Protein backbone atom coordinates (compact mmCIF):
# COMPACT_ATOMS: atom_id res chain seq x y z
CA UNK A 1 -30.30 29.89 -58.11
CA UNK A 2 -31.40 26.27 -58.47
CA UNK A 3 -28.98 24.60 -60.89
CA UNK A 4 -28.17 20.92 -61.22
CA UNK A 5 -24.53 19.78 -60.95
CA UNK A 6 -24.44 19.17 -64.73
CA UNK A 7 -25.71 22.72 -65.39
CA UNK A 8 -23.07 24.17 -63.07
CA UNK A 9 -20.29 22.22 -64.82
CA UNK A 10 -21.61 23.32 -68.22
CA UNK A 11 -21.48 26.97 -67.10
CA UNK A 12 -17.93 26.58 -65.79
CA UNK A 13 -16.88 24.92 -69.07
CA UNK A 14 -17.51 28.26 -70.83
CA UNK A 15 -14.74 29.88 -68.79
CA UNK A 16 -12.35 27.15 -67.64
CA UNK A 17 -10.80 24.49 -69.88
CA UNK A 18 -10.45 20.96 -68.50
CA UNK A 19 -10.29 20.27 -64.73
CA UNK A 20 -13.41 18.08 -64.86
CA UNK A 21 -12.92 16.58 -61.41
CA UNK A 22 -12.53 19.97 -59.75
CA UNK A 23 -15.65 21.30 -61.49
CA UNK A 24 -17.62 18.21 -60.49
CA UNK A 25 -16.57 18.54 -56.82
CA UNK A 26 -17.47 22.24 -56.79
CA UNK A 27 -20.82 21.58 -58.49
CA UNK A 28 -21.76 18.95 -55.91
CA UNK A 29 -20.76 21.26 -53.05
CA UNK A 30 -23.06 23.96 -54.43
CA UNK A 31 -25.91 21.56 -55.07
CA UNK A 32 -25.64 20.18 -51.54
CA UNK A 33 -26.13 23.70 -50.20
CA UNK A 34 -29.38 23.95 -52.12
CA UNK A 35 -30.45 20.51 -50.87
CA UNK A 36 -29.67 21.47 -47.27
CA UNK A 37 -31.83 24.60 -47.46
CA UNK A 38 -34.85 22.47 -48.45
CA UNK A 39 -34.69 20.47 -45.20
CA UNK A 40 -36.13 21.18 -41.76
CA UNK A 41 -34.33 23.77 -39.64
CA UNK A 42 -33.29 21.10 -37.14
CA UNK A 43 -31.66 18.93 -39.80
CA UNK A 44 -30.06 21.93 -41.50
CA UNK A 45 -28.06 22.67 -38.37
CA UNK A 46 -26.55 19.19 -38.33
CA UNK A 47 -25.44 19.15 -41.97
CA UNK A 48 -22.00 20.71 -42.18
CA UNK A 49 -20.55 22.04 -45.46
CA UNK A 50 -17.99 19.76 -47.09
CA UNK A 51 -15.03 22.11 -47.37
CA UNK A 52 -12.73 21.60 -50.34
CA UNK A 53 -8.94 21.46 -50.69
CA UNK A 54 -7.77 22.18 -54.25
CA UNK A 55 -4.22 21.07 -55.07
CA UNK A 56 -2.50 22.38 -58.14
CA UNK A 57 0.13 24.73 -59.55
CA UNK A 58 -0.54 28.42 -60.05
CA UNK A 59 -2.50 29.36 -63.16
CA UNK A 60 -4.38 26.06 -63.62
CA UNK A 61 -7.79 27.49 -62.71
CA UNK A 62 -8.25 27.06 -58.94
CA UNK A 63 -9.24 30.65 -58.20
CA UNK A 64 -11.18 31.07 -61.44
CA UNK A 65 -13.39 28.05 -60.73
CA UNK A 66 -14.30 29.34 -57.27
CA UNK A 67 -14.79 32.94 -58.45
CA UNK A 68 -16.96 31.99 -61.41
CA UNK A 69 -19.23 29.72 -59.38
CA UNK A 70 -19.79 32.44 -56.77
CA UNK A 71 -20.64 34.97 -59.48
CA UNK A 72 -22.95 32.51 -61.21
CA UNK A 73 -24.91 31.87 -58.01
CA UNK A 74 -24.84 35.49 -56.73
CA UNK A 75 -23.10 34.41 -53.54
CA UNK A 76 -20.89 36.49 -51.24
CA UNK A 77 -17.30 35.55 -52.09
CA UNK A 78 -13.89 36.64 -50.84
CA UNK A 79 -10.43 35.44 -51.74
CA UNK A 80 -7.69 35.74 -49.12
CA UNK A 81 -4.08 34.59 -49.00
CA UNK A 82 -3.51 32.41 -45.95
CA UNK A 83 0.14 33.52 -45.90
CA UNK A 84 -0.96 37.08 -45.06
CA UNK A 85 -2.34 36.01 -41.72
CA UNK A 86 -0.23 35.42 -38.67
CA UNK A 87 -0.95 34.23 -35.18
CA UNK A 88 -2.77 36.84 -33.07
CA UNK A 89 -0.12 38.92 -31.35
CA UNK A 90 2.25 38.91 -34.32
CA UNK A 91 2.20 41.59 -37.01
CA UNK A 92 -0.51 40.69 -39.52
CA UNK A 93 -4.23 40.44 -40.04
CA UNK A 94 -6.56 38.67 -37.67
CA UNK A 95 -8.05 35.61 -39.30
CA UNK A 96 -11.52 36.86 -38.31
CA UNK A 97 -11.07 39.73 -40.76
CA UNK A 98 -11.86 37.33 -43.64
CA UNK A 99 -15.38 36.89 -42.24
CA UNK A 100 -15.70 40.67 -41.90
CA UNK A 101 -14.64 41.02 -45.54
CA UNK A 102 -17.28 38.46 -46.47
CA UNK A 103 -19.92 40.47 -44.57
CA UNK A 104 -18.92 43.57 -46.54
CA UNK A 105 -19.30 41.70 -49.84
CA UNK A 106 -22.70 40.37 -48.75
CA UNK A 107 -23.93 43.87 -47.93
CA UNK A 108 -22.83 45.11 -51.38
CA UNK A 109 -24.54 42.17 -53.08
CA UNK A 110 -27.82 42.54 -51.18
CA UNK A 111 -27.83 46.35 -51.52
CA UNK A 112 -27.63 46.06 -55.32
CA UNK A 113 -30.53 43.60 -55.31
CA UNK A 114 -32.64 45.87 -53.09
CA UNK A 115 -31.80 48.87 -55.27
CA UNK A 116 -33.02 47.02 -58.36
CA UNK A 117 -36.34 46.29 -56.64
CA UNK A 118 -36.98 49.96 -55.84
CA UNK A 119 -35.26 51.40 -58.92
CA UNK A 120 -38.46 53.12 -60.09
CA UNK A 121 -38.92 54.77 -56.69
CA UNK A 122 -35.29 55.92 -56.66
CA UNK A 123 -35.55 57.36 -60.18
CA UNK A 124 -38.82 59.12 -59.29
CA UNK A 125 -37.21 60.70 -56.19
CA UNK A 126 -34.21 61.89 -58.23
CA UNK A 127 -36.46 63.54 -60.82
CA UNK A 128 -38.60 65.11 -58.10
CA UNK A 129 -35.57 66.73 -56.45
CA UNK A 130 -34.24 68.07 -59.74
CA UNK A 131 -37.66 69.43 -60.69
CA UNK A 132 -37.97 71.19 -57.33
CA UNK A 133 -34.81 73.10 -58.26
CA UNK A 134 -35.77 73.81 -61.87
CA UNK A 135 -39.44 74.64 -61.18
CA UNK A 136 -39.87 75.61 -57.51
CA UNK A 137 -43.32 74.79 -56.08
CA UNK A 138 -45.98 77.53 -56.13
CA UNK A 139 -47.17 79.12 -52.88
CA UNK A 140 -50.56 77.97 -51.57
CA UNK A 141 -52.02 81.38 -52.46
CA UNK A 142 -51.34 80.96 -56.20
CA UNK A 143 -54.24 81.55 -58.59
CA UNK A 144 -55.80 78.79 -60.68
CA UNK A 145 -54.34 80.38 -63.80
CA UNK A 146 -50.87 80.32 -62.26
CA UNK A 147 -51.36 76.69 -61.25
CA UNK A 148 -52.35 75.70 -64.80
CA UNK A 149 -49.31 77.48 -66.21
CA UNK A 150 -47.10 75.81 -63.57
CA UNK A 151 -48.38 72.33 -64.46
CA UNK A 152 -47.71 72.87 -68.19
CA UNK A 153 -44.20 74.18 -67.51
CA UNK A 154 -43.50 71.40 -65.02
CA UNK A 155 -44.59 68.63 -67.41
CA UNK A 156 -42.59 70.10 -70.29
CA UNK A 157 -39.43 70.42 -68.18
CA UNK A 158 -39.86 66.97 -66.62
CA UNK A 159 -40.05 65.39 -70.07
CA UNK A 160 -36.78 67.08 -71.05
CA UNK A 161 -35.06 65.97 -67.85
CA UNK A 162 -36.24 62.40 -68.40
CA UNK A 163 -35.10 62.16 -72.03
CA UNK A 164 -31.68 63.67 -71.21
CA UNK A 165 -32.01 66.75 -73.41
CA UNK A 166 -31.22 68.95 -70.40
CA UNK A 167 -28.27 66.93 -69.11
CA UNK A 168 -25.78 69.71 -69.93
CA UNK A 169 -27.74 72.41 -68.04
CA UNK A 170 -26.24 73.31 -64.66
CA UNK A 171 -28.14 73.46 -61.37
CA UNK A 172 -27.05 74.12 -57.80
CA UNK A 173 -27.30 71.31 -55.27
CA UNK A 174 -27.14 71.69 -51.52
CA UNK A 175 -25.06 68.82 -50.20
CA UNK A 176 -24.01 67.78 -46.70
CA UNK A 177 -20.43 68.69 -45.84
CA UNK A 178 -18.89 65.39 -44.83
CA UNK A 179 -15.74 64.65 -42.89
CA UNK A 180 -14.64 61.12 -43.61
CA UNK A 181 -11.88 59.26 -41.78
CA UNK A 182 -10.66 56.02 -43.30
CA UNK A 183 -7.90 53.81 -41.96
CA UNK A 184 -6.55 51.71 -44.79
CA UNK A 185 -3.68 49.77 -43.18
CA UNK A 186 -5.16 46.28 -43.31
CA UNK A 187 -2.06 44.76 -41.70
CA UNK A 188 -2.85 46.22 -38.28
CA UNK A 189 -3.66 43.45 -35.79
CA UNK A 190 -6.84 45.05 -34.43
CA UNK A 191 -10.06 45.85 -36.28
CA UNK A 192 -9.29 49.46 -37.15
CA UNK A 193 -12.44 49.70 -39.27
CA UNK A 194 -14.38 49.98 -36.01
CA UNK A 195 -12.18 52.93 -34.99
CA UNK A 196 -12.80 54.49 -38.40
CA UNK A 197 -16.57 54.13 -37.97
CA UNK A 198 -16.45 55.69 -34.49
CA UNK A 199 -14.49 58.70 -35.74
CA UNK A 200 -16.83 59.21 -38.68
CA UNK A 201 -19.85 58.99 -36.38
CA UNK A 202 -18.32 61.58 -34.05
CA UNK A 203 -17.45 64.01 -36.83
CA UNK A 204 -20.86 63.45 -38.42
CA UNK A 205 -22.58 64.67 -35.27
CA UNK A 206 -20.22 67.63 -34.93
CA UNK A 207 -20.44 68.78 -38.52
CA UNK A 208 -23.91 69.12 -40.05
CA UNK A 209 -23.04 71.97 -42.39
CA UNK A 210 -24.06 71.93 -46.03
CA UNK A 211 -22.27 73.24 -49.09
CA UNK A 212 -23.64 74.46 -52.40
CA UNK A 213 -22.24 72.91 -55.54
CA UNK A 214 -23.00 73.72 -59.16
CA UNK A 215 -23.14 70.62 -61.35
CA UNK A 216 -24.73 69.53 -64.61
CA UNK A 217 -28.07 67.75 -64.42
CA UNK A 218 -26.33 64.60 -65.65
CA UNK A 219 -23.98 64.66 -62.64
CA UNK A 220 -26.84 65.73 -60.34
CA UNK A 221 -28.75 62.58 -61.31
CA UNK A 222 -25.83 60.44 -60.13
CA UNK A 223 -25.37 62.34 -56.86
CA UNK A 224 -29.08 62.42 -56.06
CA UNK A 225 -29.51 58.75 -56.99
CA UNK A 226 -26.99 57.87 -54.32
CA UNK A 227 -28.83 60.06 -51.78
CA UNK A 228 -32.23 58.69 -52.75
CA UNK A 229 -30.96 55.14 -52.49
CA UNK A 230 -29.60 55.90 -49.02
CA UNK A 231 -32.96 57.35 -47.92
CA UNK A 232 -35.26 54.74 -49.45
CA UNK A 233 -33.39 51.51 -48.74
CA UNK A 234 -34.37 49.49 -45.69
CA UNK A 235 -30.96 49.18 -44.03
CA UNK A 236 -32.15 46.81 -41.31
CA UNK A 237 -33.62 44.45 -43.89
CA UNK A 238 -30.38 44.60 -45.88
CA UNK A 239 -28.32 43.71 -42.81
CA UNK A 240 -30.57 40.78 -41.93
CA UNK A 241 -30.46 39.42 -45.47
CA UNK A 242 -26.69 39.95 -45.69
CA UNK A 243 -26.16 37.97 -42.48
CA UNK A 244 -28.34 35.18 -43.87
CA UNK A 245 -26.40 35.14 -47.15
CA UNK A 246 -23.07 35.02 -45.33
CA UNK A 247 -24.10 32.19 -43.04
CA UNK A 248 -25.84 30.01 -45.62
CA UNK A 249 -24.21 30.94 -48.92
CA UNK A 250 -20.89 32.61 -48.16
CA UNK A 251 -17.72 31.28 -49.77
CA UNK A 252 -14.22 32.02 -48.49
CA UNK A 253 -11.38 31.05 -50.82
CA UNK A 254 -8.20 30.46 -48.82
CA UNK A 255 -5.35 30.64 -51.30
CA UNK A 256 -1.73 29.70 -50.58
CA UNK A 257 -2.76 27.34 -47.78
CA UNK A 258 0.47 25.41 -48.49
CA UNK A 259 2.51 28.45 -47.40
CA UNK A 260 1.41 27.97 -43.78
CA UNK A 261 1.99 24.19 -43.73
CA UNK A 262 4.90 23.13 -41.52
CA UNK A 263 7.00 20.07 -42.23
CA UNK A 264 8.05 18.12 -39.14
CA UNK A 265 11.53 17.66 -40.64
CA UNK A 266 12.17 21.39 -41.05
CA UNK A 267 12.57 24.05 -38.38
CA UNK A 268 10.22 26.56 -40.00
CA UNK A 269 8.55 29.70 -38.75
CA UNK A 270 6.51 28.63 -35.68
CA UNK A 271 3.92 31.31 -36.41
CA UNK A 272 2.73 29.22 -39.38
CA UNK A 273 1.25 26.61 -37.07
CA UNK A 274 -0.19 29.49 -35.06
CA UNK A 275 -2.03 30.71 -38.17
CA UNK A 276 -3.43 27.23 -38.70
CA UNK A 277 -4.69 27.08 -35.11
CA UNK A 278 -6.25 30.53 -35.47
CA UNK A 279 -7.98 29.39 -38.68
CA UNK A 280 -9.33 26.25 -37.07
CA UNK A 281 -12.20 27.75 -35.01
CA UNK A 282 -13.31 29.87 -37.99
CA UNK A 283 -13.44 26.82 -40.27
CA UNK A 284 -14.94 24.56 -37.58
CA UNK A 285 -17.67 27.05 -36.76
CA UNK A 286 -17.66 30.08 -34.49
CA UNK A 287 -19.33 33.47 -34.04
CA UNK A 288 -17.61 36.54 -35.48
CA UNK A 289 -18.72 40.09 -34.72
CA UNK A 290 -19.04 42.28 -37.82
CA UNK A 291 -20.56 45.64 -38.74
CA UNK A 292 -23.81 43.94 -39.69
CA UNK A 293 -24.04 41.73 -36.62
CA UNK A 294 -22.76 38.38 -35.46
CA UNK A 295 -21.91 35.90 -38.23
CA UNK A 296 -21.95 32.15 -37.55
CA UNK A 297 -19.28 30.50 -39.67
CA UNK A 298 -20.64 26.94 -39.26
CA UNK A 299 -22.12 26.77 -42.77
CA UNK A 300 -19.77 29.04 -44.68
CA UNK A 301 -18.07 27.05 -47.45
CA UNK A 302 -14.28 27.20 -47.24
CA UNK A 303 -12.24 26.34 -50.31
CA UNK A 304 -8.51 26.10 -49.64
CA UNK A 305 -5.97 25.96 -52.44
CA UNK A 306 -2.25 25.54 -52.81
CA UNK A 307 0.46 24.24 -55.09
CA UNK A 308 2.05 22.04 -52.38
CA UNK A 309 5.39 21.91 -54.24
CA UNK A 310 7.47 22.09 -51.06
CA UNK A 311 4.97 20.94 -48.46
CA UNK A 312 2.08 18.47 -48.70
CA UNK A 313 -1.49 18.47 -47.30
CA UNK A 314 -0.44 16.11 -44.50
CA UNK A 315 1.88 18.86 -43.22
CA UNK A 316 -1.16 20.82 -42.09
CA UNK A 317 -2.21 20.17 -38.49
CA UNK A 318 -4.54 17.13 -38.33
CA UNK A 319 -7.50 19.14 -37.02
CA UNK A 320 -7.35 21.51 -40.02
CA UNK A 321 -6.85 18.65 -42.48
CA UNK A 322 -10.04 17.06 -41.15
CA UNK A 323 -12.01 20.21 -41.92
CA UNK A 324 -11.31 19.84 -45.65
CA UNK A 325 -12.71 16.38 -46.42
CA UNK A 326 -13.07 16.94 -50.17
CA UNK A 327 -9.75 16.99 -51.99
CA UNK A 328 -9.24 17.49 -55.68
CA UNK A 329 -6.02 17.69 -57.67
CA UNK A 330 -5.97 19.95 -60.71
CA UNK A 331 -3.99 18.88 -63.74
CA UNK A 332 -1.06 20.88 -65.17
CA UNK A 333 -2.01 22.67 -68.40
CA UNK A 334 -0.70 21.21 -71.64
CA UNK A 335 -0.19 22.92 -74.99
CA UNK A 336 -3.65 21.90 -76.25
CA UNK A 337 -5.23 23.24 -73.04
CA UNK A 338 -3.64 26.65 -73.58
CA UNK A 339 -4.82 26.67 -77.19
CA UNK A 340 -8.37 25.87 -76.04
CA UNK A 341 -8.18 28.62 -73.41
CA UNK A 342 -7.40 31.15 -76.15
CA UNK A 343 -10.05 29.93 -78.58
CA UNK A 344 -12.90 28.25 -76.68
CA UNK A 345 -13.56 30.38 -73.61
CA UNK A 346 -15.90 33.33 -73.25
CA UNK A 347 -14.11 36.68 -73.16
CA UNK A 348 -10.77 35.00 -73.85
CA UNK A 349 -7.56 37.04 -73.89
CA UNK A 350 -7.64 37.30 -77.68
CA UNK A 351 -11.22 38.64 -77.62
CA UNK A 352 -10.18 41.17 -75.01
CA UNK A 353 -7.27 42.48 -77.09
CA UNK A 354 -9.44 42.61 -80.21
CA UNK A 355 -12.05 44.65 -78.35
CA UNK A 356 -9.54 47.05 -76.78
CA UNK A 357 -7.80 47.85 -80.07
CA UNK A 358 -11.24 48.15 -81.68
CA UNK A 359 -11.67 51.25 -79.53
CA UNK A 360 -8.86 52.83 -81.60
CA UNK A 361 -10.52 51.74 -84.84
CA UNK A 362 -8.02 48.92 -85.42
CA UNK A 363 -9.29 45.50 -86.50
CA UNK A 364 -6.98 42.99 -84.82
CA UNK A 365 -6.95 39.39 -86.03
CA UNK A 366 -4.97 36.32 -84.94
CA UNK A 367 -4.03 33.54 -87.37
CA UNK A 368 -4.79 30.05 -86.05
CA UNK A 369 -1.11 29.15 -86.47
CA UNK A 370 -0.19 32.21 -84.39
CA UNK A 371 -2.52 31.05 -81.61
CA UNK A 372 -0.91 27.61 -81.65
CA UNK A 373 2.50 29.30 -81.44
CA UNK A 374 1.34 31.27 -78.37
CA UNK A 375 0.35 28.00 -76.69
CA UNK A 376 3.56 26.17 -77.65
CA UNK A 377 5.89 28.97 -76.57
CA UNK A 378 3.99 29.46 -73.30
CA UNK A 379 4.49 25.80 -72.44
CA UNK A 380 8.19 26.08 -73.32
CA UNK A 381 8.58 29.15 -71.10
CA UNK A 382 6.77 27.38 -68.26
CA UNK A 383 9.12 24.41 -68.56
CA UNK A 384 12.29 26.53 -68.62
CA UNK A 385 11.30 28.85 -65.76
CA UNK A 386 8.50 28.79 -63.18
CA UNK A 387 5.32 27.02 -64.28
CA UNK A 388 2.66 29.72 -63.94
CA UNK A 389 0.11 27.92 -66.09
CA UNK A 390 -2.30 29.97 -68.18
CA UNK A 391 -0.97 33.21 -66.69
CA UNK A 392 2.00 32.85 -69.04
CA UNK A 393 -0.34 33.62 -71.94
CA UNK A 394 -0.75 37.18 -70.66
CA UNK A 395 2.97 37.87 -70.88
CA UNK A 396 3.65 36.27 -74.26
CA UNK A 397 0.67 37.87 -76.00
CA UNK A 398 1.43 41.28 -74.51
CA UNK A 399 5.05 41.01 -75.71
CA UNK A 400 3.93 40.21 -79.27
CA UNK A 401 1.33 42.96 -79.69
CA UNK A 402 3.12 45.61 -77.61
CA UNK A 403 4.23 47.63 -80.65
CA UNK A 404 0.85 47.23 -82.39
CA UNK A 405 -0.91 48.52 -79.30
CA UNK A 406 1.54 51.41 -78.88
CA UNK A 407 0.99 52.60 -82.46
CA UNK A 408 -2.75 51.87 -82.57
CA UNK A 409 -3.75 55.54 -82.82
CA UNK A 410 -1.85 55.74 -86.16
CA UNK A 411 -3.51 52.60 -87.55
CA UNK A 412 -7.18 53.60 -87.28
CA UNK A 413 -9.21 51.93 -90.02
CA UNK A 414 -6.56 49.27 -90.66
CA UNK A 415 -6.69 45.51 -90.19
CA UNK A 416 -3.66 44.10 -88.39
CA UNK A 417 -3.06 40.35 -88.52
CA UNK A 418 -0.86 38.60 -85.95
CA UNK A 419 0.91 35.78 -87.78
CA UNK A 420 2.98 32.80 -86.67
CA UNK A 421 6.07 34.53 -88.09
CA UNK A 422 5.48 37.62 -85.94
CA UNK A 423 5.02 35.50 -82.81
CA UNK A 424 8.28 33.61 -83.38
CA UNK A 425 10.12 36.82 -84.29
CA UNK A 426 9.14 38.42 -80.99
CA UNK A 427 9.42 35.41 -78.68
CA UNK A 428 11.84 32.73 -79.90
CA UNK A 429 15.01 34.38 -78.60
CA UNK A 430 13.39 35.26 -75.28
CA UNK A 431 12.08 31.74 -74.67
CA UNK A 432 15.36 30.05 -75.64
CA UNK A 433 17.41 32.22 -73.27
CA UNK A 434 16.42 30.90 -69.85
CA UNK A 435 17.87 33.86 -67.92
CA UNK A 436 16.07 36.38 -70.11
CA UNK A 437 12.81 34.42 -69.96
CA UNK A 438 12.85 34.51 -66.15
CA UNK A 439 12.81 38.31 -66.15
CA UNK A 440 10.79 39.18 -69.27
CA UNK A 441 8.33 36.30 -69.71
């Protein structure tokens, strides 16, 4: 997607309040990727991505900015916590696994795009398979009269299958009997996904049995659509495109980078520096083997983020610091910022609660004074306990409307208004008592 930096910032403004400098830095990083791809192949290789270090407390918008921009541009994106990785040889995840996760996301992204392109072919194949069950083909020896009757019946039935009027009718599908082995312990030091693939391949060759299953036509459409997609998609083309997307558009968001920083004055866990040194070749540029082939990390955009309350960016090893030349500090959220988050963002928390209770037939409304009270009390709670930024809004709003939500099935057809008085009634005592606030808010 070709968007100017101003257009990118404007899009982000719909979802994130404030943080202009961070948005501007992100927008320029994205635009520079587009500019690079317009140059000659030789020059492209020499232009390295300007990785970004975002500094700010939790809940101020670091992750949301990165996630929204990746979604906006349809780019492969993964978020990982740097603190989950340890030096190779210790218990933990290999740092290369983040690139493998990115490859997985790229495959999903490209597969969806390819499916959309051949959607008509997939739908036609699904209908054909269902019709073969409902109206089995005639033998070659059939008479002309039988053929005419077959065509009329076929067309009539096909129309009903297409318009959904036969969705409740049951048919019998013949499906492959699959044995699937999945290893889900992501903390194992080796790439166990490869072992999982090998086992599945082995069992797949051993077991080619089929089973018969009776399902409704509605369910059959879903099952057969998956099969048709599998048969019709060009898997090699998907892999090639996914590799290209990873290498030229992939974004890895490294959260909690401050948790692996080591102060020279403190005798901290030595494995933290080991994690940094393991990260270094990935961020600098190396080749990582994945299920879809070898991924070059040279042009993947890395965005690191951390609060840096205890440590500071200079506590990272110099080589890693140098790989994040763009640094931006995000501002703490004030009372007005929290108010704007609740009122001026798309799909804000208040809109979400209104929509969810609307499912029960309840019309939920929030007085403007109540919204201001949410913002004020959230700031107070952040000051008295840990400052978790906008995330505090989740807890205070949930506490206020908990009873309304619990009794929603009895209030169908009613309009419920959340007032300033209700907010203070539910929250004042909790916010004032610091010990209680730490556990409940």
